[in-house]
Structures are given as C-alpha cells and as structure tokens.
C-alpha cells in the first residue's frame, strides 16, 4: 500500500499480515476481554472468570431470596403472636366483665333479700 502525503510524495507502508491478528487473539484472554462478546473468535464457552462471576451472582440472588423468605416467615410468626395476644386480652376482658356482672347481680339479690 501507498499513502498519499500532502506534498505528493508517497510513503511505503508494509502490510501487517495475519501474524498480528493471531497475536491480538492471544492477548485477548490476558486482557480479560470476552472474545465471544467482541465477535473475534468462534468460541462458545465463557471464560472461567465470567462463569465464576455468574455463579457468584446466582448464589447471591439465591441467598437474597432465602433471606426474604425467612423475613416473611418471621413477620407471619409475629403477626400470629400478636393476634393470639389480642385474642387472649379480649377473652380476659370478657371474663372480667362477666365476673363484674355476676357480682352486681349478687349484690342486687342480696339487697332484695335484706329489704324483705
């Protein structure tokens, strides 16, 4: 190839040939570039570090989901505990009201019997 310079003189440029292409392909894994993504090679397998990263992300996602499930279980347990406590308190209130009514009835009965 020749390149045209501004002054009209041509400079000779050697072709780099295929050797440089192969050298670049050898450098790609060293640079951490995903060759498949770049469309440089026909490899279908991911780089080991990409696989490891995806596996870590998958494990982190699973861990997060498990934590969410555990949190929902705890919330349900707390809600159930509160509900049982409220039921118990309501039963206790009703029991005390009944006892109070019974005392009042007994008092009225006693008053009536003393008036006769």
Protein backbone atom coordinates (compact mmCIF):
# COMPACT_ATOMS: atom_id res chain seq x y z
CA UNK A 1 0.00 0.00 0.00
CA UNK A 2 1.00 3.56 -0.59
CA UNK A 3 -0.28 6.61 1.25
CA UNK A 4 -0.50 9.97 -0.46
CA UNK A 5 1.31 12.66 1.51
CA UNK A 6 0.35 16.33 1.35
CA UNK A 7 3.30 17.21 -0.82
CA UNK A 8 2.51 14.45 -3.30
CA UNK A 9 5.27 12.06 -2.19
CA UNK A 10 4.02 8.58 -1.43
CA UNK A 11 5.17 6.69 1.65
CA UNK A 12 5.55 2.93 1.51
CA UNK A 13 3.57 1.01 4.22
CA UNK A 14 4.10 -2.68 4.82
CA UNK A 15 1.08 -4.89 5.37
CA UNK A 16 0.97 -6.29 8.89
CA UNK A 17 -0.26 -9.66 7.61
CA UNK A 18 -2.15 -12.31 9.60
CA UNK A 19 0.51 -12.66 12.28
CA UNK A 20 -0.71 -9.55 14.08
CA UNK A 21 -4.28 -10.87 14.14
CA UNK A 22 -3.17 -14.07 15.81
CA UNK A 23 -1.03 -12.12 18.27
CA UNK A 24 -4.04 -9.97 19.21
CA UNK A 25 -6.17 -13.09 19.72
CA UNK A 26 -3.56 -14.46 22.11
CA UNK A 27 -3.66 -11.18 24.09
CA UNK A 28 -7.44 -11.04 24.43
CA UNK A 29 -7.73 -13.55 27.33
CA UNK A 30 -4.81 -11.89 29.08
CA UNK A 31 -6.58 -8.54 28.96
CA UNK A 32 -9.76 -10.05 30.37
CA UNK A 33 -11.81 -9.28 27.27
CA UNK A 34 -14.62 -11.65 26.46
CA UNK A 35 -13.62 -12.70 22.95
CA UNK A 36 -17.02 -14.18 22.14
CA UNK A 37 -18.71 -10.91 23.05
CA UNK A 38 -16.27 -8.99 20.89
CA UNK A 39 -17.04 -11.33 17.98
CA UNK A 40 -13.39 -12.16 17.48
CA UNK A 41 -13.42 -15.93 17.92
CA UNK A 42 -15.96 -18.65 17.37
CA UNK A 43 -15.68 -19.86 20.96
CA UNK A 44 -18.99 -20.72 22.58
CA UNK A 45 -17.68 -21.34 26.09
CA UNK A 46 -17.40 -18.48 28.54
CA UNK A 47 -14.18 -17.54 30.20
CA UNK A 48 -13.70 -19.18 33.64
CA UNK A 49 -13.77 -15.82 35.42
CA UNK A 50 -17.07 -14.96 33.71
CA UNK A 51 -18.52 -18.31 34.78
CA UNK A 52 -17.31 -17.76 38.33
CA UNK A 53 -18.81 -14.26 38.42
CA UNK A 54 -22.16 -15.54 37.13
CA UNK A 55 -22.12 -18.35 39.69
CA UNK A 56 -21.40 -15.86 42.50
CA UNK A 57 -24.25 -13.65 41.30
CA UNK A 58 -26.57 -16.65 41.17
CA UNK A 59 -25.60 -17.67 44.70
CA UNK A 60 -26.06 -14.10 45.96
CA UNK A 61 -29.50 -13.96 44.35
CA UNK A 62 -30.48 -17.28 45.93
CA UNK A 63 -29.21 -16.08 49.31
CA UNK A 64 -31.21 -12.85 48.99
CA UNK A 65 -34.35 -14.81 48.11
CA UNK A 66 -33.84 -17.12 51.09
CA UNK A 67 -33.44 -14.12 53.36
CA UNK A 68 -36.67 -12.62 52.01
CA UNK A 69 -38.49 -15.89 52.62
CA UNK A 70 -37.12 -16.09 56.18
CA UNK A 71 -38.13 -12.46 56.82
CA UNK A 72 -41.68 -13.17 55.61
CA UNK A 73 -41.85 -16.21 57.89
CA UNK A 74 -40.73 -14.09 60.85
CA UNK A 75 -43.32 -11.44 60.02
CA UNK A 76 -46.07 -14.06 59.83
CA UNK A 77 -44.97 -15.53 63.16
CA UNK A 78 -45.02 -12.08 64.76
CA UNK A 79 -48.45 -11.33 63.32
CA UNK A 80 -49.75 -14.67 64.60
CA UNK A 81 -48.28 -13.99 68.04
CA UNK A 82 -49.90 -10.52 68.12
CA UNK A 83 -53.23 -11.98 67.02
CA UNK A 84 -53.12 -14.64 69.77
CA UNK A 85 -52.19 -11.98 72.33
CA UNK A 86 -55.10 -9.79 71.24
CA UNK A 87 -57.47 -12.77 71.43
CA UNK A 88 -56.21 -13.58 74.90
CA UNK A 89 -56.65 -9.98 76.03
CA UNK A 90 -60.19 -9.90 74.60
CA UNK A 91 -61.07 -13.16 76.38
CA UNK A 92 -59.67 -11.75 79.61
CA UNK A 93 -61.69 -8.54 79.23
CA UNK A 94 -64.88 -10.51 78.56
CA UNK A 95 -64.21 -12.75 81.58
CA UNK A 96 -63.73 -9.73 83.85
CA UNK A 97 -66.95 -8.14 82.54
CA UNK A 98 -68.86 -11.35 83.28
CA UNK A 99 -67.40 -11.52 86.77
CA UNK A 100 -68.38 -7.90 87.36
CA UNK A 101 -71.92 -8.58 86.13
CA UNK A 102 -72.16 -11.60 88.41
CA UNK A 103 -71.04 -9.52 91.41
CA UNK A 104 -73.61 -6.85 90.59
CA UNK A 105 -76.36 -9.47 90.30
CA UNK A 106 -75.37 -10.96 93.64
CA UNK A 107 -75.38 -7.51 95.22
CA UNK A 108 -78.85 -6.79 93.86
CA UNK A 109 -80.10 -10.15 95.07
CA UNK A 110 -78.62 -9.55 98.49
CA UNK A 111 -80.24 -6.09 98.69
CA UNK A 112 -83.61 -7.51 97.71
CA UNK A 113 -83.38 -10.25 100.29
CA UNK A 114 -82.45 -7.78 103.07
CA UNK A 115 -85.32 -5.45 102.14
CA UNK A 116 -87.93 -8.15 102.62
